[in-house]
C-alpha atoms as a PDB file:
ATOM      1  CA  MET A   1     -19.068  28.320 -10.348  1.00  0.00           C
ATOM      2  CA  THR A   2     -17.901  24.897 -10.412  1.00  0.00           C
ATOM      3  CA  LEU A   3     -14.205  23.558 -10.722  1.00  0.00           C
ATOM      4  CA  ARG A   4     -13.729  19.878 -11.503  1.00  0.00           C
ATOM      5  CA  PHE A   5     -10.317  18.163 -11.798  1.00  0.00           C
ATOM      6  CA  HIS A   6      -9.364  14.642 -12.438  1.00  0.00           C
ATOM      7  CA  LEU A   7      -6.290  13.361 -10.763  1.00  0.00           C
ATOM      8  CA  GLY A   8      -5.066  10.218 -12.436  1.00  0.00           C
ATOM      9  CA  GLY A   9      -3.326   7.145 -10.661  1.00  0.00           C
ATOM     10  CA  LEU A  10       0.256   7.066  -9.863  1.00  0.00           C
ATOM     11  CA  PRO A  11       2.527   4.807 -11.816  1.00  0.00           C
ATOM     12  CA  GLU A  12       3.536   1.513 -10.068  1.00  0.00           C
ATOM     13  CA  ALA A  13       7.053   2.925  -8.926  1.00  0.00           C
ATOM     14  CA  LYS A  14       5.431   6.097  -7.627  1.00  0.00           C
ATOM     15  CA  THR A  15       2.748   3.842  -5.800  1.00  0.00           C
ATOM     16  CA  ARG A  16       5.936   2.027  -4.015  1.00  0.00           C
ATOM     17  CA  ALA A  17       7.752   4.963  -3.195  1.00  0.00           C
ATOM     18  CA  TYR A  18       4.321   6.371  -1.703  1.00  0.00           C
ATOM     19  CA  ILE A  19       3.795   3.330   0.464  1.00  0.00           C
ATOM     20  CA  GLY A  20       7.648   3.440   1.472  1.00  0.00           C
ATOM     21  CA  ARG A  21       7.575   6.930   2.616  1.00  0.00           C
ATOM     22  CA  HIS A  22       5.060   7.073   5.302  1.00  0.00           C
ATOM     23  CA  PRO A  23       6.701   4.479   7.532  1.00  0.00           C
ATOM     24  CA  LYS A  24      10.091   6.086   6.631  1.00  0.00           C
ATOM     25  CA  VAL A  25       8.903   9.535   8.222  1.00  0.00           C
ATOM     26  CA  ALA A  26       7.617   7.724  11.058  1.00  0.00           C
ATOM     27  CA  GLY A  27      11.099   6.456  11.838  1.00  0.00           C
ATOM     28  CA  VAL A  28      10.679   2.833  10.645  1.00  0.00           C
ATOM     29  CA  GLY A  29      14.096   1.690   9.076  1.00  0.00           C
ATOM     30  CA  HIS A  30      13.019  -1.037   7.003  1.00  0.00           C
ATOM     31  CA  PRO A  31      10.433  -1.695   4.260  1.00  0.00           C
ATOM     32  CA  LEU A  32       7.222  -2.910   5.391  1.00  0.00           C
ATOM     33  CA  PHE A  33       5.779  -4.212   2.361  1.00  0.00           C
ATOM     34  CA  SER A  34       7.338  -6.925   0.069  1.00  0.00           C
ATOM     35  CA  ASP A  35       7.539  -5.915  -3.706  1.00  0.00           C
ATOM     36  CA  GLU A  36       4.848  -8.549  -4.456  1.00  0.00           C
ATOM     37  CA  ALA A  37       2.722  -6.716  -1.662  1.00  0.00           C
ATOM     38  CA  ALA A  38       3.347  -3.173  -3.159  1.00  0.00           C
ATOM     39  CA  HIS A  39       2.427  -4.604  -6.638  1.00  0.00           C
ATOM     40  CA  LEU A  40      -0.590  -5.940  -5.391  1.00  0.00           C
ATOM     41  CA  VAL A  41      -1.501  -2.724  -3.716  1.00  0.00           C
ATOM     42  CA  HIS A  42      -0.886  -0.925  -6.602  1.00  0.00           C
ATOM     43  CA  GLN A  43      -2.905  -3.216  -8.975  1.00  0.00           C
ATOM     44  CA  PHE A  44      -5.946  -3.196  -6.656  1.00  0.00           C
ATOM     45  CA  THR A  45      -5.922   0.712  -6.322  1.00  0.00           C
ATOM     46  CA  LYS A  46      -4.750   1.590  -9.823  1.00  0.00           C
ATOM     47  CA  GLY A  47      -2.540   3.935  -8.042  1.00  0.00           C
ATOM     48  CA  VAL A  48      -5.172   6.352  -6.643  1.00  0.00           C
ATOM     49  CA  PRO A  49      -3.555   7.770  -3.464  1.00  0.00           C
ATOM     50  CA  ARG A  50      -6.551   7.686  -1.364  1.00  0.00           C
ATOM     51  CA  ARG A  51      -7.184   4.093  -2.030  1.00  0.00           C
ATOM     52  CA  ILE A  52      -3.479   3.233  -1.623  1.00  0.00           C
ATOM     53  CA  ASN A  53      -3.823   4.791   1.840  1.00  0.00           C
ATOM     54  CA  ASN A  54      -6.988   2.923   2.537  1.00  0.00           C
ATOM     55  CA  VAL A  55      -5.438  -0.600   1.552  1.00  0.00           C
ATOM     56  CA  ALA A  56      -2.060   0.007   2.969  1.00  0.00           C
ATOM     57  CA  THR A  57      -3.353   1.067   6.351  1.00  0.00           C
ATOM     58  CA  ALA A  58      -5.916  -1.985   6.313  1.00  0.00           C
ATOM     59  CA  CYS A  59      -2.965  -4.453   5.699  1.00  0.00           C
ATOM     60  CA  LEU A  60      -0.617  -2.780   8.147  1.00  0.00           C
ATOM     61  CA  LEU A  61      -3.033  -2.983  11.071  1.00  0.00           C
ATOM     62  CA  ALA A  62      -3.902  -6.456  10.231  1.00  0.00           C
ATOM     63  CA  GLY A  63      -0.324  -7.322   9.755  1.00  0.00           C
ATOM     64  CA  PHE A  64       0.769  -5.771  13.080  1.00  0.00           C
ATOM     65  CA  ARG A  65      -1.387  -8.196  15.078  1.00  0.00           C
ATOM     66  CA  ARG A  66       1.357 -10.550  14.944  1.00  0.00           C
ATOM     67  CA  PRO A  67       4.882 -10.529  14.484  1.00  0.00           C
ATOM     68  CA  PRO A  68       7.119 -10.695  12.266  1.00  0.00           C
ATOM     69  CA  HIS A  69       5.285  -7.338  11.263  1.00  0.00           C
ATOM     70  CA  ARG A  70       6.913  -7.069   7.544  1.00  0.00           C
ATOM     71  CA  LEU A  71       6.103 -10.830   6.673  1.00  0.00           C
ATOM     72  CA  GLN A  72       2.370 -10.676   8.203  1.00  0.00           C
ATOM     73  CA  ALA A  73       1.567  -7.490   6.550  1.00  0.00           C
ATOM     74  CA  ALA A  74       3.150  -8.694   2.957  1.00  0.00           C
ATOM     75  CA  THR A  75       1.352 -11.962   3.579  1.00  0.00           C
ATOM     76  CA  LEU A  76      -2.134 -10.294   4.195  1.00  0.00           C
ATOM     77  CA  CYS A  77      -1.623  -8.179   1.185  1.00  0.00           C
ATOM     78  CA  GLU A  78      -0.612 -10.937  -1.136  1.00  0.00           C
ATOM     79  CA  LYS A  79      -3.241 -13.109   0.007  1.00  0.00           C
ATOM     80  CA  ARG A  80      -6.359 -10.749   0.066  1.00  0.00           C
ATOM     81  CA  LEU A  81      -5.387  -8.392  -2.773  1.00  0.00           C
ATOM     82  CA  GLY A  82      -4.255 -11.612  -4.842  1.00  0.00           C
ATOM     83  CA  GLN A  83      -7.869 -12.971  -4.684  1.00  0.00           C
ATOM     84  CA  ARG A  84      -9.559  -9.811  -5.830  1.00  0.00           C
ATOM     85  CA  THR A  85      -7.278  -9.357  -8.848  1.00  0.00           C
END
């Protein structure tokens, strides 16, 4: 027996909430992604949670190499993802 299920991507508002929830649970009290960066993450990943995780993690890891953390993460996403869209 085989079971197949296709889960569609999240709408943009849910993608923004999804991106914002993880840092909040970890105790971060401010947003780590600008609105533009969150939009680009959604656009690039088409709202697929697994892809959102991969892209957001890559942006955060690169962004946290240098302060200010939020600006770097957002700028990195905007530059890298903006080139791909």
